[in-house]
Amino acid sequence: MALGGLSVPLPTLFGPDGALDLSRNTRFARTISEAGADHLFVLGSLGEFPSVTDAERPRLVDVVVESTIGSTDVWVGCGAPSTRQAVAYAEAAELAGAAAIVAVPPYYLRPTPEAIERYYRAIHDAIRIPLCAYNIPSLVGYPLDPGLVHRLAREGVLAGAKDTAGSLTSVAAMIAGAPEGFSVLPGDDALAASAIESGAKGAVMGTANVVPRLCVELVAAALGGNRARAAELQSLVDALVEAIHAGPFPSVDKFLANRLRGAEVGYRSPYDPLTAEEEARVLARLTPIEDRLRPFLKR
């Protein structure tokens, strides 16, 4: 499947003891696939990838790949502080059946631009599936240079980019000057419709874990050129984003998935369940829009 449409960054679910719960992850992923998501993105930021051990990663990827139905495929986050580690993750993900690799640049310590370029080239050389860069400066500590991304795209190293820098300006910079066929997807849900109208090939939307069919319909309307419907659905997504922003990331997404559609979730410290006070703040934002969300929650 092309690197476009709706990609859903799945949470990683744990049991009461904090251990990885494969059955919960299987059921959760299957529900998102059944709702019509084009891609399931496992081990992204919302998936708490730094908290998942090297031993757990292949088991998690396996069950997510096995959970998909229809045309849904799986993208796997493989960014790491070291090139060797990122390459090993990417090779394992490809063997497990991943359709694409998504990699943040090396984080914590800031490498030189030349080192970042070598990092992406090494990952690309180790796999045969598409590689997407992941720009999220708020968590990595620095932004990816669009010029570097475009140069690597022209040389066939990068097939796409997920941009979660928080602005349409950043998404537009990734789109402008990119070679034909290069896929840019915003990772900020509030930008989905406007980014697609500006040339993005789809969107990566965490709100799809909470109300999957809402996001499926939004991306379809935007890609289909139905601006009025896309704007209507984007307004509802924006209100849901406000509720999500009222609680701690990423636990709030799990809380709302359980609250609105009964998904069985689970937490691993330090990303614990919401406190009573946190729940109250989130629900204060959610309650006014629950009736508008309800039609998208029906099977």
C-alpha atoms as a PDB file:
ATOM      1  CA  MET A   1       0.000   0.000   0.000  1.00  0.00           C
ATOM      2  CA  ALA A   2       1.252   3.525  -0.754  1.00  0.00           C
ATOM      3  CA  LEU A   3       2.460   5.717   2.097  1.00  0.00           C
ATOM      4  CA  GLY A   4      -0.744   7.707   2.302  1.00  0.00           C
ATOM      5  CA  GLY A   5      -4.180   7.679   3.872  1.00  0.00           C
ATOM      6  CA  LEU A   6      -4.755   7.292   7.609  1.00  0.00           C
ATOM      7  CA  SER A   7      -1.956   5.918   9.783  1.00  0.00           C
ATOM      8  CA  VAL A   8      -2.846   5.275  13.428  1.00  0.00           C
ATOM      9  CA  PRO A   9      -0.046   5.435  16.043  1.00  0.00           C
ATOM     10  CA  LEU A  10      -1.119   2.673  18.396  1.00  0.00           C
ATOM     11  CA  PRO A  11      -0.631   2.803  22.155  1.00  0.00           C
ATOM     12  CA  THR A  12       1.243  -0.082  23.717  1.00  0.00           C
ATOM     13  CA  LEU A  13      -0.910  -1.910  26.254  1.00  0.00           C
ATOM     14  CA  PHE A  14       0.249  -3.574  29.442  1.00  0.00           C
ATOM     15  CA  GLY A  15      -1.256  -5.826  32.105  1.00  0.00           C
ATOM     16  CA  PRO A  16      -2.013  -4.991  35.743  1.00  0.00           C
ATOM     17  CA  ASP A  17       1.588  -5.837  36.654  1.00  0.00           C
ATOM     18  CA  GLY A  18       3.014  -3.613  33.914  1.00  0.00           C
ATOM     19  CA  ALA A  19       4.040  -6.540  31.713  1.00  0.00           C
ATOM     20  CA  LEU A  20       3.400  -6.373  27.976  1.00  0.00           C
ATOM     21  CA  ASP A  21      -0.087  -7.785  27.317  1.00  0.00           C
ATOM     22  CA  LEU A  22      -0.118  -9.356  23.862  1.00  0.00           C
ATOM     23  CA  SER A  23      -3.823 -10.209  23.880  1.00  0.00           C
ATOM     24  CA  ARG A  24      -4.844  -6.627  24.704  1.00  0.00           C
ATOM     25  CA  ASN A  25      -2.608  -5.292  21.943  1.00  0.00           C
ATOM     26  CA  THR A  26      -4.035  -7.812  19.482  1.00  0.00           C
ATOM     27  CA  ARG A  27      -7.642  -6.874  20.225  1.00  0.00           C
ATOM     28  CA  PHE A  28      -6.943  -3.148  20.167  1.00  0.00           C
ATOM     29  CA  ALA A  29      -5.091  -3.293  16.850  1.00  0.00           C
ATOM     30  CA  ARG A  30      -7.768  -5.481  15.267  1.00  0.00           C
ATOM     31  CA  THR A  31     -10.459  -2.946  16.170  1.00  0.00           C
ATOM     32  CA  ILE A  32      -8.542  -0.105  14.507  1.00  0.00           C
ATOM     33  CA  SER A  33      -7.970  -2.236  11.411  1.00  0.00           C
ATOM     34  CA  GLU A  34     -11.669  -3.163  11.290  1.00  0.00           C
ATOM     35  CA  ALA A  35     -12.560   0.536  11.404  1.00  0.00           C
ATOM     36  CA  GLY A  36     -10.759   1.043   8.096  1.00  0.00           C
ATOM     37  CA  ALA A  37      -7.345   2.468   8.999  1.00  0.00           C
ATOM     38  CA  ASP A  38      -4.850   2.198   6.166  1.00  0.00           C
ATOM     39  CA  HIS A  39      -1.846   1.694   8.435  1.00  0.00           C
ATOM     40  CA  LEU A  40      -1.189   0.723  12.041  1.00  0.00           C
ATOM     41  CA  PHE A  41       1.905   2.512  13.364  1.00  0.00           C
ATOM     42  CA  VAL A  42       3.414   0.530  16.226  1.00  0.00           C
ATOM     43  CA  LEU A  43       6.230   1.705  18.533  1.00  0.00           C
ATOM     44  CA  GLY A  44       5.820   5.399  17.859  1.00  0.00           C
ATOM     45  CA  SER A  45       5.784   8.126  20.497  1.00  0.00           C
ATOM     46  CA  LEU A  46       2.226   7.334  21.555  1.00  0.00           C
ATOM     47  CA  GLY A  47       3.338   3.705  21.708  1.00  0.00           C
ATOM     48  CA  GLU A  48       5.889   4.578  24.417  1.00  0.00           C
ATOM     49  CA  PHE A  49       8.659   3.001  22.363  1.00  0.00           C
ATOM     50  CA  PRO A  50      11.471   3.910  24.805  1.00  0.00           C
ATOM     51  CA  SER A  51       9.611   1.912  27.480  1.00  0.00           C
ATOM     52  CA  VAL A  52       9.371  -1.272  25.394  1.00  0.00           C
ATOM     53  CA  THR A  53      12.362  -3.573  25.837  1.00  0.00           C
ATOM     54  CA  ASP A  54      14.349  -5.105  23.002  1.00  0.00           C
ATOM     55  CA  ALA A  55      12.962  -8.511  23.972  1.00  0.00           C
ATOM     56  CA  GLU A  56       9.376  -7.240  23.863  1.00  0.00           C
ATOM     57  CA  ARG A  57       9.590  -5.382  20.535  1.00  0.00           C
ATOM     58  CA  PRO A  58       9.437  -8.387  18.165  1.00  0.00           C
ATOM     59  CA  ARG A  59       6.562  -9.977  20.077  1.00  0.00           C
ATOM     60  CA  LEU A  60       4.567  -6.750  19.917  1.00  0.00           C
ATOM     61  CA  VAL A  61       5.217  -6.259  16.205  1.00  0.00           C
ATOM     62  CA  ASP A  62       4.257  -9.880  15.508  1.00  0.00           C
ATOM     63  CA  VAL A  63       0.842  -9.629  17.140  1.00  0.00           C
ATOM     64  CA  VAL A  64       0.036  -6.289  15.504  1.00  0.00           C
ATOM     65  CA  VAL A  65       0.951  -7.650  12.068  1.00  0.00           C
ATOM     66  CA  GLU A  66      -1.191 -10.720  12.714  1.00  0.00           C
ATOM     67  CA  SER A  67      -4.127  -8.564  13.864  1.00  0.00           C
ATOM     68  CA  THR A  68      -4.587  -6.695  10.584  1.00  0.00           C
ATOM     69  CA  ILE A  69      -7.397  -7.457   8.181  1.00  0.00           C
ATOM     70  CA  GLY A  70      -8.121  -6.364   4.631  1.00  0.00           C
ATOM     71  CA  SER A  71      -5.696  -3.835   3.192  1.00  0.00           C
ATOM     72  CA  THR A  72      -4.420  -2.498   6.529  1.00  0.00           C
ATOM     73  CA  ASP A  73      -0.648  -2.798   6.893  1.00  0.00           C
ATOM     74  CA  VAL A  74       1.850  -2.052   9.667  1.00  0.00           C
ATOM     75  CA  TRP A  75       4.499   0.633  10.058  1.00  0.00           C
ATOM     76  CA  VAL A  76       7.106   0.192  12.784  1.00  0.00           C
ATOM     77  CA  GLY A  77       8.990   2.908  14.628  1.00  0.00           C
ATOM     78  CA  CYS A  78      12.697   2.074  14.654  1.00  0.00           C
ATOM     79  CA  GLY A  79      14.464   5.284  15.633  1.00  0.00           C
ATOM     80  CA  ALA A  80      17.210   4.953  18.228  1.00  0.00           C
ATOM     81  CA  PRO A  81      20.115   6.900  19.749  1.00  0.00           C
ATOM     82  CA  SER A  82      22.618   4.745  17.821  1.00  0.00           C
ATOM     83  CA  THR A  83      22.733   3.773  14.160  1.00  0.00           C
ATOM     84  CA  ARG A  84      23.538   0.148  14.996  1.00  0.00           C
ATOM     85  CA  GLN A  85      20.466  -0.111  17.212  1.00  0.00           C
ATOM     86  CA  ALA A  86      18.150   1.533  14.660  1.00  0.00           C
ATOM     87  CA  VAL A  87      19.390  -0.781  11.894  1.00  0.00           C
ATOM     88  CA  ALA A  88      18.814  -3.852  14.068  1.00  0.00           C
ATOM     89  CA  TYR A  89      15.277  -2.698  14.879  1.00  0.00           C
ATOM     90  CA  ALA A  90      14.506  -2.066  11.205  1.00  0.00           C
ATOM     91  CA  GLU A  91      15.830  -5.439  10.080  1.00  0.00           C
ATOM     92  CA  ALA A  92      13.765  -7.230  12.710  1.00  0.00           C
ATOM     93  CA  ALA A  93      10.637  -5.269  11.819  1.00  0.00           C
ATOM     94  CA  GLU A  94      10.975  -6.120   8.147  1.00  0.00           C
ATOM     95  CA  LEU A  95      11.352  -9.815   8.976  1.00  0.00           C
ATOM     96  CA  ALA A  96       8.197  -9.587  11.095  1.00  0.00           C
ATOM     97  CA  GLY A  97       6.165  -8.261   8.163  1.00  0.00           C
ATOM     98  CA  ALA A  98       6.331  -4.487   8.513  1.00  0.00           C
ATOM     99  CA  ALA A  99       5.313  -2.585   5.387  1.00  0.00           C
ATOM    100  CA  ALA A 100       7.370   0.514   6.249  1.00  0.00           C
ATOM    101  CA  ILE A 101       9.879   1.782   8.789  1.00  0.00           C
ATOM    102  CA  VAL A 102       9.450   5.146  10.545  1.00  0.00           C
ATOM    103  CA  ALA A 103      12.555   6.509  12.236  1.00  0.00           C
ATOM    104  CA  VAL A 104      13.157   9.565  14.354  1.00  0.00           C
ATOM    105  CA  PRO A 105      16.731  10.838  14.044  1.00  0.00           C
ATOM    106  CA  PRO A 106      19.105   9.969  16.901  1.00  0.00           C
ATOM    107  CA  TYR A 107      17.874  11.585  20.097  1.00  0.00           C
ATOM    108  CA  TYR A 108      19.221  12.807  23.455  1.00  0.00           C
ATOM    109  CA  LEU A 109      22.678  13.643  22.083  1.00  0.00           C
ATOM    110  CA  ARG A 110      22.519  15.830  18.977  1.00  0.00           C
ATOM    111  CA  PRO A 111      24.558  14.458  16.042  1.00  0.00           C
ATOM    112  CA  THR A 112      25.898  16.502  13.153  1.00  0.00           C
ATOM    113  CA  PRO A 113      23.856  16.807   9.930  1.00  0.00           C
ATOM    114  CA  GLU A 114      26.383  14.517   8.248  1.00  0.00           C
ATOM    115  CA  ALA A 115      25.885  11.897  10.965  1.00  0.00           C
ATOM    116  CA  ILE A 116      22.099  12.117  10.625  1.00  0.00           C
ATOM    117  CA  GLU A 117      22.455  11.540   6.897  1.00  0.00           C
ATOM    118  CA  ARG A 118      24.665   8.488   7.464  1.00  0.00           C
ATOM    119  CA  TYR A 119      22.135   7.182   9.997  1.00  0.00           C
ATOM    120  CA  TYR A 120      19.273   7.234   7.487  1.00  0.00           C
ATOM    121  CA  ARG A 121      21.446   5.794   4.727  1.00  0.00           C
ATOM    122  CA  ALA A 122      22.458   2.894   6.971  1.00  0.00           C
ATOM    123  CA  ILE A 123      18.846   2.058   7.814  1.00  0.00           C
ATOM    124  CA  HIS A 124      17.829   2.263   4.156  1.00  0.00           C
ATOM    125  CA  ASP A 125      20.701   0.018   3.061  1.00  0.00           C
ATOM    126  CA  ALA A 126      19.664  -2.655   5.573  1.00  0.00           C
ATOM    127  CA  ILE A 127      16.051  -3.050   4.420  1.00  0.00           C
ATOM    128  CA  ARG A 128      13.960  -3.411   1.278  1.00  0.00           C
ATOM    129  CA  ILE A 129      10.788  -1.713   2.512  1.00  0.00           C
ATOM    130  CA  PRO A 130      10.111   2.061   2.501  1.00  0.00           C
ATOM    131  CA  LEU A 131      11.788   4.264   5.098  1.00  0.00           C
ATOM    132  CA  CYS A 132      10.109   7.401   6.481  1.00  0.00           C
ATOM    133  CA  ALA A 133      11.803  10.122   8.476  1.00  0.00           C
ATOM    134  CA  TYR A 134      10.015  11.337  11.598  1.00  0.00           C
ATOM    135  CA  ASN A 135      10.351  15.009  12.517  1.00  0.00           C
ATOM    136  CA  ILE A 136       9.311  15.642  16.110  1.00  0.00           C
ATOM    137  CA  PRO A 137      11.662  18.287  17.540  1.00  0.00           C
ATOM    138  CA  SER A 138       9.797  18.640  20.842  1.00  0.00           C
ATOM    139  CA  LEU A 139      10.844  15.109  21.831  1.00  0.00           C
ATOM    140  CA  VAL A 140      14.011  14.493  19.795  1.00  0.00           C
ATOM    141  CA  GLY A 141      15.496  17.851  20.765  1.00  0.00           C
ATOM    142  CA  TYR A 142      16.073  19.319  17.289  1.00  0.00           C
ATOM    143  CA  PRO A 143      14.229  19.578  13.957  1.00  0.00           C
ATOM    144  CA  LEU A 144      15.039  17.654  10.812  1.00  0.00           C
ATOM    145  CA  ASP A 145      16.233  19.880   7.979  1.00  0.00           C
ATOM    146  CA  PRO A 146      13.766  19.688   5.054  1.00  0.00           C
ATOM    147  CA  GLY A 147      16.692  20.156   2.678  1.00  0.00           C
ATOM    148  CA  LEU A 148      18.355  17.011   4.013  1.00  0.00           C
ATOM    149  CA  VAL A 149      15.078  15.112   3.846  1.00  0.00           C
ATOM    150  CA  HIS A 150      14.517  16.163   0.230  1.00  0.00           C
ATOM    151  CA  ARG A 151      18.041  15.269  -0.823  1.00  0.00           C
ATOM    152  CA  LEU A 152      17.698  11.811   0.680  1.00  0.00           C
ATOM    153  CA  ALA A 153      14.285  11.488  -0.980  1.00  0.00           C
ATOM    154  CA  ARG A 154      15.690  12.337  -4.408  1.00  0.00           C
ATOM    155  CA  GLU A 155      18.334   9.657  -3.924  1.00  0.00           C
ATOM    156  CA  GLY A 156      15.721   7.054  -2.958  1.00  0.00           C
ATOM    157  CA  VAL A 157      16.789   6.774   0.671  1.00  0.00           C
ATOM    158  CA  LEU A 158      13.575   8.221   2.141  1.00  0.00           C
ATOM    159  CA  ALA A 159      10.100   7.451   0.826  1.00  0.00           C
ATOM    160  CA  GLY A 160       8.235   9.802   3.125  1.00  0.00           C
ATOM    161  CA  ALA A 161       8.217  11.946   6.249  1.00  0.00           C
ATOM    162  CA  LYS A 162       5.971  12.229   9.281  1.00  0.00           C
ATOM    163  CA  ASP A 163       6.038  15.813  10.515  1.00  0.00           C
ATOM    164  CA  THR A 164       4.995  16.465  14.111  1.00  0.00           C
ATOM    165  CA  ALA A 165       6.559  19.868  14.598  1.00  0.00           C
ATOM    166  CA  GLY A 166       3.241  21.473  15.522  1.00  0.00           C
ATOM    167  CA  SER A 167       2.699  23.833  12.623  1.00  0.00           C
ATOM    168  CA  LEU A 168       1.387  23.829   9.084  1.00  0.00           C
ATOM    169  CA  THR A 169       4.464  25.861   8.151  1.00  0.00           C
ATOM    170  CA  SER A 170       6.705  22.923   9.030  1.00  0.00           C
ATOM    171  CA  VAL A 171       4.523  20.472   7.093  1.00  0.00           C
ATOM    172  CA  ALA A 172       4.520  22.815   4.100  1.00  0.00           C
ATOM    173  CA  ALA A 173       8.325  23.028   4.221  1.00  0.00           C
ATOM    174  CA  MET A 174       8.507  19.239   4.039  1.00  0.00           C
ATOM    175  CA  ILE A 175       6.147  19.238   1.050  1.00  0.00           C
ATOM    176  CA  ALA A 176       7.742  22.121  -0.880  1.00  0.00           C
ATOM    177  CA  GLY A 177      10.684  20.945  -2.929  1.00  0.00           C
ATOM    178  CA  ALA A 178      10.087  17.257  -2.301  1.00  0.00           C
ATOM    179  CA  PRO A 179      10.415  14.966  -5.334  1.00  0.00           C
ATOM    180  CA  GLU A 180       7.346  13.535  -7.019  1.00  0.00           C
ATOM    181  CA  GLY A 181       5.919  10.569  -5.152  1.00  0.00           C
ATOM    182  CA  PHE A 182       7.361  11.585  -1.784  1.00  0.00           C
ATOM    183  CA  SER A 183       4.759  11.256   0.982  1.00  0.00           C
ATOM    184  CA  VAL A 184       4.453  13.836   3.746  1.00  0.00           C
ATOM    185  CA  LEU A 185       1.974  13.195   6.552  1.00  0.00           C
ATOM    186  CA  PRO A 186       1.257  15.520   9.489  1.00  0.00           C
ATOM    187  CA  GLY A 187       1.443  13.981  12.934  1.00  0.00           C
ATOM    188  CA  ASP A 188      -0.561  16.755  14.605  1.00  0.00           C
ATOM    189  CA  ASP A 189      -4.241  15.822  14.407  1.00  0.00           C
ATOM    190  CA  ALA A 190      -5.426  19.427  14.303  1.00  0.00           C
ATOM    191  CA  LEU A 191      -3.548  19.899  11.001  1.00  0.00           C
ATOM    192  CA  ALA A 192      -4.944  16.866   9.168  1.00  0.00           C
ATOM    193  CA  ALA A 193      -7.417  18.542   6.799  1.00  0.00           C
ATOM    194  CA  SER A 194      -5.356  21.663   6.118  1.00  0.00           C
ATOM    195  CA  ALA A 195      -2.177  19.664   5.517  1.00  0.00           C
ATOM    196  CA  ILE A 196      -3.899  17.339   3.050  1.00  0.00           C
ATOM    197  CA  GLU A 197      -5.316  20.358   1.236  1.00  0.00           C
ATOM    198  CA  SER A 198      -1.740  21.685   1.057  1.00  0.00           C
ATOM    199  CA  GLY A 199      -0.418  18.485  -0.511  1.00  0.00           C
ATOM    200  CA  ALA A 200       0.059  15.960   2.281  1.00  0.00           C
ATOM    201  CA  LYS A 201      -0.781  12.388   1.242  1.00  0.00           C
ATOM    202  CA  GLY A 202      -2.698  11.599   4.419  1.00  0.00           C
ATOM    203  CA  ALA A 203      -2.311  11.997   8.169  1.00  0.00           C
ATOM    204  CA  VAL A 204      -1.038  10.199  11.259  1.00  0.00           C
ATOM    205  CA  MET A 205      -3.762  10.628  13.886  1.00  0.00           C
ATOM    206  CA  GLY A 206      -3.623   9.550  17.506  1.00  0.00           C
ATOM    207  CA  THR A 207      -7.273  10.509  17.990  1.00  0.00           C
ATOM    208  CA  ALA A 208      -8.117   7.498  15.823  1.00  0.00           C
ATOM    209  CA  ASN A 209      -7.390   5.328  18.847  1.00  0.00           C
ATOM    210  CA  VAL A 210     -10.291   7.039  20.598  1.00  0.00           C
ATOM    211  CA  VAL A 211     -12.804   7.443  17.755  1.00  0.00           C
ATOM    212  CA  PRO A 212     -11.344   5.571  14.776  1.00  0.00           C
ATOM    213  CA  ARG A 213     -14.206   6.014  12.308  1.00  0.00           C
ATOM    214  CA  LEU A 214     -14.180   9.783  12.763  1.00  0.00           C
ATOM    215  CA  CYS A 215     -10.572   9.928  11.577  1.00  0.00           C
ATOM    216  CA  VAL A 216     -11.150   7.434   8.767  1.00  0.00           C
ATOM    217  CA  GLU A 217     -13.951   9.629   7.427  1.00  0.00           C
ATOM    218  CA  LEU A 218     -11.979  12.857   7.879  1.00  0.00           C
ATOM    219  CA  VAL A 219      -8.957  11.657   5.916  1.00  0.00           C
ATOM    220  CA  ALA A 220     -11.163  10.164   3.201  1.00  0.00           C
ATOM    221  CA  ALA A 221     -13.107  13.415   2.831  1.00  0.00           C
ATOM    222  CA  ALA A 222      -9.940  15.524   2.715  1.00  0.00           C
ATOM    223  CA  LEU A 223      -8.213  13.281   0.175  1.00  0.00           C
ATOM    224  CA  GLY A 224     -11.416  13.172  -1.872  1.00  0.00           C
ATOM    225  CA  GLY A 225     -11.586  16.950  -2.080  1.00  0.00           C
ATOM    226  CA  ASN A 226     -14.785  17.253  -0.022  1.00  0.00           C
ATOM    227  CA  ARG A 227     -13.653  20.392   1.790  1.00  0.00           C
ATOM    228  CA  ALA A 228     -16.957  21.089   3.541  1.00  0.00           C
ATOM    229  CA  ARG A 229     -17.195  17.606   5.054  1.00  0.00           C
ATOM    230  CA  ALA A 230     -13.507  17.600   5.939  1.00  0.00           C
ATOM    231  CA  ALA A 231     -13.869  20.947   7.722  1.00  0.00           C
ATOM    232  CA  GLU A 232     -16.903  19.690   9.640  1.00  0.00           C
ATOM    233  CA  LEU A 233     -15.088  16.574  10.817  1.00  0.00           C
ATOM    234  CA  GLN A 234     -11.879  18.487  11.539  1.00  0.00           C
ATOM    235  CA  SER A 235     -13.821  20.762  13.884  1.00  0.00           C
ATOM    236  CA  LEU A 236     -14.917  17.720  15.882  1.00  0.00           C
ATOM    237  CA  VAL A 237     -11.400  16.294  15.915  1.00  0.00           C
ATOM    238  CA  ASP A 238     -10.110  19.652  17.170  1.00  0.00           C
ATOM    239  CA  ALA A 239     -12.544  19.527  20.086  1.00  0.00           C
ATOM    240  CA  LEU A 240     -11.424  15.997  20.898  1.00  0.00           C
ATOM    241  CA  VAL A 241      -7.793  17.136  20.751  1.00  0.00           C
ATOM    242  CA  GLU A 242      -8.625  19.759  23.380  1.00  0.00           C
ATOM    243  CA  ALA A 243      -9.886  16.987  25.678  1.00  0.00           C
ATOM    244  CA  ILE A 244      -6.732  14.953  25.052  1.00  0.00           C
ATOM    245  CA  HIS A 245      -4.518  17.939  25.795  1.00  0.00           C
ATOM    246  CA  ALA A 246      -6.211  18.294  29.190  1.00  0.00           C
ATOM    247  CA  GLY A 247      -4.506  15.111  30.401  1.00  0.00           C
ATOM    248  CA  PRO A 248      -0.978  13.640  30.441  1.00  0.00           C
ATOM    249  CA  PHE A 249       0.363  12.107  27.232  1.00  0.00           C
ATOM    250  CA  PRO A 250       0.115   9.231  26.376  1.00  0.00           C
ATOM    251  CA  SER A 251      -2.042   7.907  29.220  1.00  0.00           C
ATOM    252  CA  VAL A 252      -4.968  10.167  28.315  1.00  0.00           C
ATOM    253  CA  ASP A 253      -5.394   8.441  24.939  1.00  0.00           C
ATOM    254  CA  LYS A 254      -5.769   5.105  26.685  1.00  0.00           C
ATOM    255  CA  PHE A 255      -8.217   6.555  29.182  1.00  0.00           C
ATOM    256  CA  LEU A 256     -10.407   7.988  26.424  1.00  0.00           C
ATOM    257  CA  ALA A 257     -10.271   4.821  24.305  1.00  0.00           C
ATOM    258  CA  ASN A 258     -11.563   2.922  27.295  1.00  0.00           C
ATOM    259  CA  ARG A 259     -14.126   5.571  28.201  1.00  0.00           C
ATOM    260  CA  LEU A 260     -15.637   6.047  24.746  1.00  0.00           C
ATOM    261  CA  ARG A 261     -15.434   2.632  23.136  1.00  0.00           C
ATOM    262  CA  GLY A 262     -14.692   0.241  25.981  1.00  0.00           C
ATOM    263  CA  ALA A 263     -11.215  -0.706  24.804  1.00  0.00           C
ATOM    264  CA  GLU A 264      -9.250  -2.756  27.317  1.00  0.00           C
ATOM    265  CA  VAL A 265      -6.083  -0.807  28.032  1.00  0.00           C
ATOM    266  CA  GLY A 266      -3.139  -1.013  30.428  1.00  0.00           C
ATOM    267  CA  TYR A 267      -0.289   1.102  31.709  1.00  0.00           C
ATOM    268  CA  ARG A 268       3.422   0.912  32.504  1.00  0.00           C
ATOM    269  CA  SER A 269       5.040   3.335  34.942  1.00  0.00           C
ATOM    270  CA  PRO A 270       5.861   6.184  34.766  1.00  0.00           C
ATOM    271  CA  TYR A 271       2.970   6.634  32.295  1.00  0.00           C
ATOM    272  CA  ASP A 272       0.357   5.670  34.848  1.00  0.00           C
ATOM    273  CA  PRO A 273      -3.455   5.825  34.828  1.00  0.00           C
ATOM    274  CA  LEU A 274      -4.942   9.285  35.188  1.00  0.00           C
ATOM    275  CA  THR A 275      -5.573  10.596  38.684  1.00  0.00           C
ATOM    276  CA  ALA A 276      -9.096  11.595  39.694  1.00  0.00           C
ATOM    277  CA  GLU A 277      -8.201  15.245  39.180  1.00  0.00           C
ATOM    278  CA  GLU A 278      -6.764  14.553  35.720  1.00  0.00           C
ATOM    279  CA  GLU A 279      -9.835  12.572  34.725  1.00  0.00           C
ATOM    280  CA  ALA A 280     -12.063  15.440  35.816  1.00  0.00           C
ATOM    281  CA  ARG A 281     -10.165  17.939  33.647  1.00  0.00           C
ATOM    282  CA  VAL A 282     -10.376  15.658  30.604  1.00  0.00           C
ATOM    283  CA  LEU A 283     -14.064  14.904  31.099  1.00  0.00           C
ATOM    284  CA  ALA A 284     -14.863  18.599  31.425  1.00  0.00           C
ATOM    285  CA  ARG A 285     -13.614  19.006  27.838  1.00  0.00           C
ATOM    286  CA  LEU A 286     -15.111  15.730  26.601  1.00  0.00           C
ATOM    287  CA  THR A 287     -18.665  15.967  27.937  1.00  0.00           C
ATOM    288  CA  PRO A 288     -19.811  18.822  25.648  1.00  0.00           C
ATOM    289  CA  ILE A 289     -18.888  16.819  22.518  1.00  0.00           C
ATOM    290  CA  GLU A 290     -19.877  13.272  23.512  1.00  0.00           C
ATOM    291  CA  ASP A 291     -23.211  13.412  21.683  1.00  0.00           C
ATOM    292  CA  ARG A 292     -21.444  14.528  18.483  1.00  0.00           C
ATOM    293  CA  LEU A 293     -18.940  11.675  18.790  1.00  0.00           C
ATOM    294  CA  ARG A 294     -21.517   8.965  19.470  1.00  0.00           C
ATOM    295  CA  PRO A 295     -22.531   8.306  15.796  1.00  0.00           C
ATOM    296  CA  PHE A 296     -18.898   7.454  14.966  1.00  0.00           C
ATOM    297  CA  LEU A 297     -18.723   4.945  17.791  1.00  0.00           C
ATOM    298  CA  LYS A 298     -21.512   2.733  16.452  1.00  0.00           C
ATOM    299  CA  ARG A 299     -20.461  -0.364  14.543  1.00  0.00           C
END
